[in-house]
Amino acid sequence: MTSDFTPSDACCGSPATVEQPHDYKGIFVEIDGAKTYVTGPESATKAIFVLYDIFGYSHPIIKGVDKLADAGFRVFMPDFFEGNPAPMSLMPFDGPPNEEAMDKFCAERGGTKKTIQRTTELLKHCETLQPSIKTWGLLGYCWGGYVCQYAIGANTPFSACVECHPGFPEVDVAEAVTIPLMALCSKDEPEKDFAHFQPALRVPNYFEVYETMVHGWLSARAELDKDDVLTEFNRGYAAMTDWFKQYL
């Protein structure tokens, strides 16, 4: 049974950054009716399937997956929200977040079961389009990271997973995970948030809290004009790269 993602205080508390310019290295294509960002060498034998955060495509997240592409992976990032990600009006800079609307968005537009079903469909089309790919990794951010945890149980098509500043479901979900799992957390997801989850894993795993970073620093909330954020952004993507190189 799957459970839908509920935004945490950290998720709602700090809005996405204003989009920053980034020269995209990949292209947008249509795969099974879904706009999809594709980047990395066409000859790659290892690929990464990405579930973005509730803000959809943002410059920092595309900059990040382009880094993975530079390491030799073919990357596919579909637009699960079909051009309608969570609107910024739900998380204003000058007022409290609309938590009721956020919960509704995640339950309806970002429902876990629905997203996993769509992931399965899209992955099959990606495999057909890119038959050279032998192994697949799964990468998720915030909402996407939470959903990933339900997609890596028995018979998963993925060989390794990385989740960035995710929420953590119940112990039974951890016990069902069958592939190596890395979690990169911010100061807003301290160790107590996953104290129930990590010990229940029966697979190789690595969890790290980036103590000076806020929720979303690897995706939509990455303030890359700040030296400390850029340093940790690069360190996070280097860690992802090493993980996928080890297990894919």
C-alpha atoms as a PDB file:
ATOM      1  CA  MET A   1       0.000   0.000   0.000  1.00  0.00           C
ATOM      2  CA  THR A   2       1.271   3.459  -0.832  1.00  0.00           C
ATOM      3  CA  SER A   3       0.918   6.645   1.148  1.00  0.00           C
ATOM      4  CA  ASP A   4       0.821  10.123  -0.354  1.00  0.00           C
ATOM      5  CA  PHE A   5       3.433  12.739   0.414  1.00  0.00           C
ATOM      6  CA  THR A   6       2.533  15.441   2.943  1.00  0.00           C
ATOM      7  CA  PRO A   7       4.721  18.569   2.788  1.00  0.00           C
ATOM      8  CA  SER A   8       6.739  19.178   5.929  1.00  0.00           C
ATOM      9  CA  ASP A   9       7.249  22.532   7.631  1.00  0.00           C
ATOM     10  CA  ALA A  10      10.642  22.713   5.906  1.00  0.00           C
ATOM     11  CA  CYS A  11       9.084  22.093   2.517  1.00  0.00           C
ATOM     12  CA  CYS A  12       6.479  24.814   2.996  1.00  0.00           C
ATOM     13  CA  GLY A  13       8.587  27.244   4.937  1.00  0.00           C
ATOM     14  CA  SER A  14      11.088  28.482   2.368  1.00  0.00           C
ATOM     15  CA  PRO A  15       9.929  29.343  -1.159  1.00  0.00           C
ATOM     16  CA  ALA A  16      11.785  28.391  -4.299  1.00  0.00           C
ATOM     17  CA  THR A  17      14.495  30.728  -5.447  1.00  0.00           C
ATOM     18  CA  VAL A  18      13.997  32.969  -8.424  1.00  0.00           C
ATOM     19  CA  GLU A  19      15.129  30.983 -11.437  1.00  0.00           C
ATOM     20  CA  GLN A  20      18.753  31.534 -12.333  1.00  0.00           C
ATOM     21  CA  PRO A  21      20.129  31.340 -15.870  1.00  0.00           C
ATOM     22  CA  HIS A  22      21.642  28.061 -16.917  1.00  0.00           C
ATOM     23  CA  ASP A  23      22.681  26.943 -20.363  1.00  0.00           C
ATOM     24  CA  TYR A  24      20.866  23.650 -20.720  1.00  0.00           C
ATOM     25  CA  LYS A  25      23.048  20.854 -22.062  1.00  0.00           C
ATOM     26  CA  GLY A  26      20.127  18.574 -22.865  1.00  0.00           C
ATOM     27  CA  ILE A  27      16.897  18.893 -24.795  1.00  0.00           C
ATOM     28  CA  PHE A  28      13.184  18.620 -24.142  1.00  0.00           C
ATOM     29  CA  VAL A  29      11.474  15.803 -26.022  1.00  0.00           C
ATOM     30  CA  GLU A  30       8.087  14.131 -25.837  1.00  0.00           C
ATOM     31  CA  ILE A  31       8.007  10.595 -24.462  1.00  0.00           C
ATOM     32  CA  ASP A  32       4.629   8.859 -24.309  1.00  0.00           C
ATOM     33  CA  GLY A  33       2.948  12.251 -24.330  1.00  0.00           C
ATOM     34  CA  ALA A  34       5.102  13.650 -21.526  1.00  0.00           C
ATOM     35  CA  LYS A  35       7.504  16.543 -21.942  1.00  0.00           C
ATOM     36  CA  THR A  36      10.835  15.125 -20.810  1.00  0.00           C
ATOM     37  CA  TYR A  37      14.239  16.703 -20.247  1.00  0.00           C
ATOM     38  CA  VAL A  38      16.903  14.387 -21.673  1.00  0.00           C
ATOM     39  CA  THR A  39      20.613  14.981 -21.227  1.00  0.00           C
ATOM     40  CA  GLY A  40      23.842  12.995 -21.377  1.00  0.00           C
ATOM     41  CA  PRO A  41      25.588  10.849 -23.991  1.00  0.00           C
ATOM     42  CA  GLU A  42      23.335   8.885 -26.328  1.00  0.00           C
ATOM     43  CA  SER A  43      25.836   6.032 -26.221  1.00  0.00           C
ATOM     44  CA  ALA A  44      25.549   5.664 -22.437  1.00  0.00           C
ATOM     45  CA  THR A  45      24.841   2.243 -20.956  1.00  0.00           C
ATOM     46  CA  LYS A  46      23.766   3.636 -17.578  1.00  0.00           C
ATOM     47  CA  ALA A  47      20.831   5.988 -17.095  1.00  0.00           C
ATOM     48  CA  ILE A  48      19.083   7.906 -14.330  1.00  0.00           C
ATOM     49  CA  PHE A  49      15.327   8.456 -14.150  1.00  0.00           C
ATOM     50  CA  VAL A  50      14.432  11.623 -12.220  1.00  0.00           C
ATOM     51  CA  LEU A  51      11.405  12.662 -10.175  1.00  0.00           C
ATOM     52  CA  TYR A  52      11.718  16.403  -9.600  1.00  0.00           C
ATOM     53  CA  ASP A  53      10.265  18.397  -6.672  1.00  0.00           C
ATOM     54  CA  ILE A  54       6.827  20.038  -6.504  1.00  0.00           C
ATOM     55  CA  PHE A  55       8.094  23.105  -8.367  1.00  0.00           C
ATOM     56  CA  GLY A  56       8.743  21.058 -11.501  1.00  0.00           C
ATOM     57  CA  TYR A  57      11.534  22.168 -13.804  1.00  0.00           C
ATOM     58  CA  SER A  58      13.812  24.819 -12.306  1.00  0.00           C
ATOM     59  CA  HIS A  59      17.214  26.062 -13.413  1.00  0.00           C
ATOM     60  CA  PRO A  60      19.071  24.615 -10.398  1.00  0.00           C
ATOM     61  CA  ILE A  61      17.596  21.148 -10.824  1.00  0.00           C
ATOM     62  CA  ILE A  62      18.451  21.104 -14.527  1.00  0.00           C
ATOM     63  CA  LYS A  63      21.942  22.350 -13.747  1.00  0.00           C
ATOM     64  CA  GLY A  64      22.243  19.468 -11.303  1.00  0.00           C
ATOM     65  CA  VAL A  65      21.123  16.709 -13.650  1.00  0.00           C
ATOM     66  CA  ASP A  66      23.416  18.138 -16.318  1.00  0.00           C
ATOM     67  CA  LYS A  67      26.257  17.469 -13.877  1.00  0.00           C
ATOM     68  CA  LEU A  68      25.217  13.822 -13.755  1.00  0.00           C
ATOM     69  CA  ALA A  69      25.124  13.798 -17.546  1.00  0.00           C
ATOM     70  CA  ASP A  70      28.672  15.175 -17.613  1.00  0.00           C
ATOM     71  CA  ALA A  71      29.699  12.110 -15.603  1.00  0.00           C
ATOM     72  CA  GLY A  72      28.522   9.847 -18.418  1.00  0.00           C
ATOM     73  CA  PHE A  73      24.947   9.036 -17.444  1.00  0.00           C
ATOM     74  CA  ARG A  74      21.959   9.451 -19.730  1.00  0.00           C
ATOM     75  CA  VAL A  75      19.302  11.316 -17.724  1.00  0.00           C
ATOM     76  CA  PHE A  76      15.533  11.384 -18.239  1.00  0.00           C
ATOM     77  CA  MET A  77      13.369  13.822 -16.249  1.00  0.00           C
ATOM     78  CA  PRO A  78       9.665  13.718 -17.217  1.00  0.00           C
ATOM     79  CA  ASP A  79       7.185  16.489 -16.462  1.00  0.00           C
ATOM     80  CA  PHE A  80       4.851  14.603 -14.147  1.00  0.00           C
ATOM     81  CA  PHE A  81       2.781  17.717 -13.456  1.00  0.00           C
ATOM     82  CA  GLU A  82       2.193  18.375 -17.162  1.00  0.00           C
ATOM     83  CA  GLY A  83       3.257  22.006 -17.069  1.00  0.00           C
ATOM     84  CA  ASN A  84       1.335  22.772 -13.888  1.00  0.00           C
ATOM     85  CA  PRO A  85       3.614  22.351 -10.874  1.00  0.00           C
ATOM     86  CA  ALA A  86       2.661  23.677  -7.460  1.00  0.00           C
ATOM     87  CA  PRO A  87       2.092  27.432  -7.879  1.00  0.00           C
ATOM     88  CA  MET A  88       4.290  29.775  -5.903  1.00  0.00           C
ATOM     89  CA  SER A  89       1.152  31.487  -4.572  1.00  0.00           C
ATOM     90  CA  LEU A  90       0.790  28.535  -2.219  1.00  0.00           C
ATOM     91  CA  MET A  91       4.102  29.525  -0.589  1.00  0.00           C
ATOM     92  CA  PRO A  92       4.300  33.329  -0.533  1.00  0.00           C
ATOM     93  CA  PHE A  93       7.430  35.074   0.671  1.00  0.00           C
ATOM     94  CA  ASP A  94       5.443  37.415   2.912  1.00  0.00           C
ATOM     95  CA  GLY A  95       2.937  35.109   4.548  1.00  0.00           C
ATOM     96  CA  PRO A  96       2.167  31.593   5.747  1.00  0.00           C
ATOM     97  CA  PRO A  97       1.923  28.717   3.275  1.00  0.00           C
ATOM     98  CA  ASN A  98      -1.452  27.385   2.205  1.00  0.00           C
ATOM     99  CA  GLU A  99      -0.930  23.967   3.731  1.00  0.00           C
ATOM    100  CA  GLU A 100      -4.420  22.705   2.893  1.00  0.00           C
ATOM    101  CA  ALA A 101      -3.928  23.451  -0.796  1.00  0.00           C
ATOM    102  CA  MET A 102      -0.436  21.948  -0.701  1.00  0.00           C
ATOM    103  CA  ASP A 103      -1.743  18.728   0.808  1.00  0.00           C
ATOM    104  CA  LYS A 104      -4.462  18.579  -1.846  1.00  0.00           C
ATOM    105  CA  PHE A 105      -1.921  19.117  -4.634  1.00  0.00           C
ATOM    106  CA  CYS A 106       0.328  16.331  -3.380  1.00  0.00           C
ATOM    107  CA  ALA A 107      -2.571  13.924  -2.889  1.00  0.00           C
ATOM    108  CA  GLU A 108      -4.172  14.591  -6.270  1.00  0.00           C
ATOM    109  CA  ARG A 109      -1.524  15.788  -8.725  1.00  0.00           C
ATOM    110  CA  GLY A 110       1.328  14.074  -6.932  1.00  0.00           C
ATOM    111  CA  GLY A 111      -0.350  10.954  -5.581  1.00  0.00           C
ATOM    112  CA  THR A 112       2.206   8.246  -4.859  1.00  0.00           C
ATOM    113  CA  LYS A 113       0.380   5.344  -6.511  1.00  0.00           C
ATOM    114  CA  LYS A 114      -0.436   7.418  -9.592  1.00  0.00           C
ATOM    115  CA  THR A 115       3.160   8.613  -9.903  1.00  0.00           C
ATOM    116  CA  ILE A 116       4.635   5.130  -9.592  1.00  0.00           C
ATOM    117  CA  GLN A 117       2.280   3.823 -12.270  1.00  0.00           C
ATOM    118  CA  ARG A 118       3.295   6.647 -14.584  1.00  0.00           C
ATOM    119  CA  THR A 119       6.966   6.050 -13.803  1.00  0.00           C
ATOM    120  CA  THR A 120       6.594   2.424 -14.875  1.00  0.00           C
ATOM    121  CA  GLU A 121       4.938   3.453 -18.141  1.00  0.00           C
ATOM    122  CA  LEU A 122       7.490   6.125 -18.959  1.00  0.00           C
ATOM    123  CA  LEU A 123      10.448   3.943 -18.083  1.00  0.00           C
ATOM    124  CA  LYS A 124       9.301   1.300 -20.566  1.00  0.00           C
ATOM    125  CA  HIS A 125       9.164   3.932 -23.302  1.00  0.00           C
ATOM    126  CA  CYS A 126      12.597   5.248 -22.325  1.00  0.00           C
ATOM    127  CA  GLU A 127      14.009   1.729 -22.539  1.00  0.00           C
ATOM    128  CA  THR A 128      12.561   1.343 -26.024  1.00  0.00           C
ATOM    129  CA  LEU A 129      13.990   4.672 -27.141  1.00  0.00           C
ATOM    130  CA  GLN A 130      17.390   3.979 -25.586  1.00  0.00           C
ATOM    131  CA  PRO A 131      18.086   0.240 -25.939  1.00  0.00           C
ATOM    132  CA  SER A 132      21.773   0.738 -25.134  1.00  0.00           C
ATOM    133  CA  ILE A 133      20.900   1.338 -21.466  1.00  0.00           C
ATOM    134  CA  LYS A 134      21.700  -1.710 -19.344  1.00  0.00           C
ATOM    135  CA  THR A 135      21.107  -0.367 -15.827  1.00  0.00           C
ATOM    136  CA  TRP A 136      18.865   2.362 -14.417  1.00  0.00           C
ATOM    137  CA  GLY A 137      19.186   4.551 -11.353  1.00  0.00           C
ATOM    138  CA  LEU A 138      16.377   6.487  -9.681  1.00  0.00           C
ATOM    139  CA  LEU A 139      16.739  10.029  -8.340  1.00  0.00           C
ATOM    140  CA  GLY A 140      14.106  12.018  -6.471  1.00  0.00           C
ATOM    141  CA  TYR A 141      13.859  15.416  -4.800  1.00  0.00           C
ATOM    142  CA  CYS A 142      11.586  16.239  -1.841  1.00  0.00           C
ATOM    143  CA  TRP A 143       8.186  14.968  -3.104  1.00  0.00           C
ATOM    144  CA  GLY A 144      10.009  12.906  -5.724  1.00  0.00           C
ATOM    145  CA  GLY A 145      12.363  11.463  -3.127  1.00  0.00           C
ATOM    146  CA  TYR A 146       9.450  10.374  -0.978  1.00  0.00           C
ATOM    147  CA  VAL A 147       7.752   8.665  -3.921  1.00  0.00           C
ATOM    148  CA  CYS A 148      11.008   6.929  -4.881  1.00  0.00           C
ATOM    149  CA  GLN A 149      10.973   4.978  -1.641  1.00  0.00           C
ATOM    150  CA  TYR A 150       7.807   3.203  -2.756  1.00  0.00           C
ATOM    151  CA  ALA A 151       9.306   2.386  -6.165  1.00  0.00           C
ATOM    152  CA  ILE A 152      12.385   0.461  -5.016  1.00  0.00           C
ATOM    153  CA  GLY A 153      10.869  -2.624  -3.463  1.00  0.00           C
ATOM    154  CA  ALA A 154      10.647  -6.135  -4.875  1.00  0.00           C
ATOM    155  CA  ASN A 155      10.974  -6.433  -8.653  1.00  0.00           C
ATOM    156  CA  THR A 156      12.024  -2.814  -9.085  1.00  0.00           C
ATOM    157  CA  PRO A 157      13.606  -2.081 -12.479  1.00  0.00           C
ATOM    158  CA  PHE A 158      16.108   0.231 -10.784  1.00  0.00           C
ATOM    159  CA  SER A 159      19.540  -0.762  -9.508  1.00  0.00           C
ATOM    160  CA  ALA A 160      20.309   2.155  -7.166  1.00  0.00           C
ATOM    161  CA  CYS A 161      18.505   5.173  -5.750  1.00  0.00           C
ATOM    162  CA  VAL A 162      19.378   8.643  -4.471  1.00  0.00           C
ATOM    163  CA  GLU A 163      16.872  10.851  -2.673  1.00  0.00           C
ATOM    164  CA  CYS A 164      17.464  14.502  -1.827  1.00  0.00           C
ATOM    165  CA  HIS A 165      15.878  16.249   1.175  1.00  0.00           C
ATOM    166  CA  PRO A 166      13.009  13.729   1.248  1.00  0.00           C
ATOM    167  CA  GLY A 167      10.298  12.879   3.714  1.00  0.00           C
ATOM    168  CA  PHE A 168      10.512   9.411   5.236  1.00  0.00           C
ATOM    169  CA  PRO A 169       7.588   6.959   5.367  1.00  0.00           C
ATOM    170  CA  GLU A 170       7.044   4.151   7.845  1.00  0.00           C
ATOM    171  CA  VAL A 171       9.395   1.313   8.754  1.00  0.00           C
ATOM    172  CA  ASP A 172       7.635  -1.232   6.543  1.00  0.00           C
ATOM    173  CA  VAL A 173       8.600   0.808   3.479  1.00  0.00           C
ATOM    174  CA  ALA A 174      12.261   0.766   4.512  1.00  0.00           C
ATOM    175  CA  GLU A 175      12.149  -2.978   5.122  1.00  0.00           C
ATOM    176  CA  ALA A 176      10.850  -3.500   1.581  1.00  0.00           C
ATOM    177  CA  VAL A 177      13.671  -1.583  -0.149  1.00  0.00           C
ATOM    178  CA  THR A 178      15.775  -3.922  -2.292  1.00  0.00           C
ATOM    179  CA  ILE A 179      18.468  -1.686  -3.838  1.00  0.00           C
ATOM    180  CA  PRO A 180      21.254   0.556  -2.495  1.00  0.00           C
ATOM    181  CA  LEU A 181      19.854   3.843  -1.192  1.00  0.00           C
ATOM    182  CA  MET A 182      21.525   7.196  -0.558  1.00  0.00           C
ATOM    183  CA  ALA A 183      19.750  10.077   1.192  1.00  0.00           C
ATOM    184  CA  LEU A 184      21.178  13.604   1.145  1.00  0.00           C
ATOM    185  CA  CYS A 185      19.393  15.638   3.796  1.00  0.00           C
ATOM    186  CA  SER A 186      19.452  19.286   4.825  1.00  0.00           C
ATOM    187  CA  LYS A 187      19.460  20.728   8.323  1.00  0.00           C
ATOM    188  CA  ASP A 188      15.668  20.670   8.017  1.00  0.00           C
ATOM    189  CA  GLU A 189      15.720  16.851   7.883  1.00  0.00           C
ATOM    190  CA  PRO A 190      17.843  16.061  10.958  1.00  0.00           C
ATOM    191  CA  GLU A 191      18.783  12.539  11.976  1.00  0.00           C
ATOM    192  CA  LYS A 192      15.720  12.193  14.187  1.00  0.00           C
ATOM    193  CA  ASP A 193      13.559  12.386  11.053  1.00  0.00           C
ATOM    194  CA  PHE A 194      15.012   9.158   9.693  1.00  0.00           C
ATOM    195  CA  ALA A 195      15.978   7.458  12.960  1.00  0.00           C
ATOM    196  CA  HIS A 196      13.135   4.988  12.413  1.00  0.00           C
ATOM    197  CA  PHE A 197      13.854   4.488   8.707  1.00  0.00           C
ATOM    198  CA  GLN A 198      17.566   3.956   8.141  1.00  0.00           C
ATOM    199  CA  PRO A 199      18.050   1.153  10.721  1.00  0.00           C
ATOM    200  CA  ALA A 200      15.263  -0.821   9.036  1.00  0.00           C
ATOM    201  CA  LEU A 201      17.034  -0.871   5.669  1.00  0.00           C
ATOM    202  CA  ARG A 202      18.494  -4.214   4.606  1.00  0.00           C
ATOM    203  CA  VAL A 203      20.529  -2.855   1.709  1.00  0.00           C
ATOM    204  CA  PRO A 204      23.723  -0.791   1.367  1.00  0.00           C
ATOM    205  CA  ASN A 205      22.837   2.751   2.367  1.00  0.00           C
ATOM    206  CA  TYR A 206      24.346   6.123   3.134  1.00  0.00           C
ATOM    207  CA  PHE A 207      22.591   9.055   4.802  1.00  0.00           C
ATOM    208  CA  GLU A 208      24.189  12.459   5.297  1.00  0.00           C
ATOM    209  CA  VAL A 209      22.839  15.675   6.796  1.00  0.00           C
ATOM    210  CA  TYR A 210      24.302  18.828   5.253  1.00  0.00           C
ATOM    211  CA  GLU A 211      24.170  20.835   8.443  1.00  0.00           C
ATOM    212  CA  THR A 212      24.371  24.319   6.912  1.00  0.00           C
ATOM    213  CA  MET A 213      21.973  23.774   4.008  1.00  0.00           C
ATOM    214  CA  VAL A 214      18.223  24.414   3.891  1.00  0.00           C
ATOM    215  CA  HIS A 215      15.585  22.089   2.494  1.00  0.00           C
ATOM    216  CA  GLY A 216      15.780  22.104  -1.299  1.00  0.00           C
ATOM    217  CA  TRP A 217      19.402  23.206  -1.697  1.00  0.00           C
ATOM    218  CA  LEU A 218      19.967  20.574  -4.392  1.00  0.00           C
ATOM    219  CA  SER A 219      16.957  21.658  -6.438  1.00  0.00           C
ATOM    220  CA  ALA A 220      14.547  24.594  -6.656  1.00  0.00           C
ATOM    221  CA  ARG A 221      15.803  26.366  -3.527  1.00  0.00           C
ATOM    222  CA  ALA A 222      19.464  26.364  -4.481  1.00  0.00           C
ATOM    223  CA  GLU A 223      20.766  29.926  -4.111  1.00  0.00           C
ATOM    224  CA  LEU A 224      23.746  29.314  -6.325  1.00  0.00           C
ATOM    225  CA  ASP A 225      24.906  32.912  -6.186  1.00  0.00           C
ATOM    226  CA  LYS A 226      26.040  32.170  -2.619  1.00  0.00           C
ATOM    227  CA  ASP A 227      29.474  30.572  -2.406  1.00  0.00           C
ATOM    228  CA  ASP A 228      28.633  28.241   0.481  1.00  0.00           C
ATOM    229  CA  VAL A 229      25.500  26.955  -1.235  1.00  0.00           C
ATOM    230  CA  LEU A 230      27.324  26.438  -4.531  1.00  0.00           C
ATOM    231  CA  THR A 231      30.061  24.499  -2.733  1.00  0.00           C
ATOM    232  CA  GLU A 232      27.582  22.165  -1.055  1.00  0.00           C
ATOM    233  CA  PHE A 233      25.492  21.888  -4.224  1.00  0.00           C
ATOM    234  CA  ASN A 234      28.585  20.670  -6.075  1.00  0.00           C
ATOM    235  CA  ARG A 235      29.524  18.353  -3.211  1.00  0.00           C
ATOM    236  CA  GLY A 236      26.049  16.839  -3.200  1.00  0.00           C
ATOM    237  CA  TYR A 237      26.104  16.114  -6.916  1.00  0.00           C
ATOM    238  CA  ALA A 238      29.601  14.668  -6.638  1.00  0.00           C
ATOM    239  CA  ALA A 239      28.301  12.300  -3.952  1.00  0.00           C
ATOM    240  CA  MET A 240      25.383  11.272  -6.181  1.00  0.00           C
ATOM    241  CA  THR A 241      27.757  10.659  -9.062  1.00  0.00           C
ATOM    242  CA  ASP A 242      29.982   8.429  -6.954  1.00  0.00           C
ATOM    243  CA  TRP A 243      26.980   6.471  -5.660  1.00  0.00           C
ATOM    244  CA  PHE A 244      25.579   5.807  -9.099  1.00  0.00           C
ATOM    245  CA  LYS A 245      29.023   4.911 -10.456  1.00  0.00           C
ATOM    246  CA  GLN A 246      29.434   2.397  -7.654  1.00  0.00           C
ATOM    247  CA  TYR A 247      26.065   0.692  -7.961  1.00  0.00           C
ATOM    248  CA  LEU A 248      24.938   1.038 -11.574  1.00  0.00           C
END
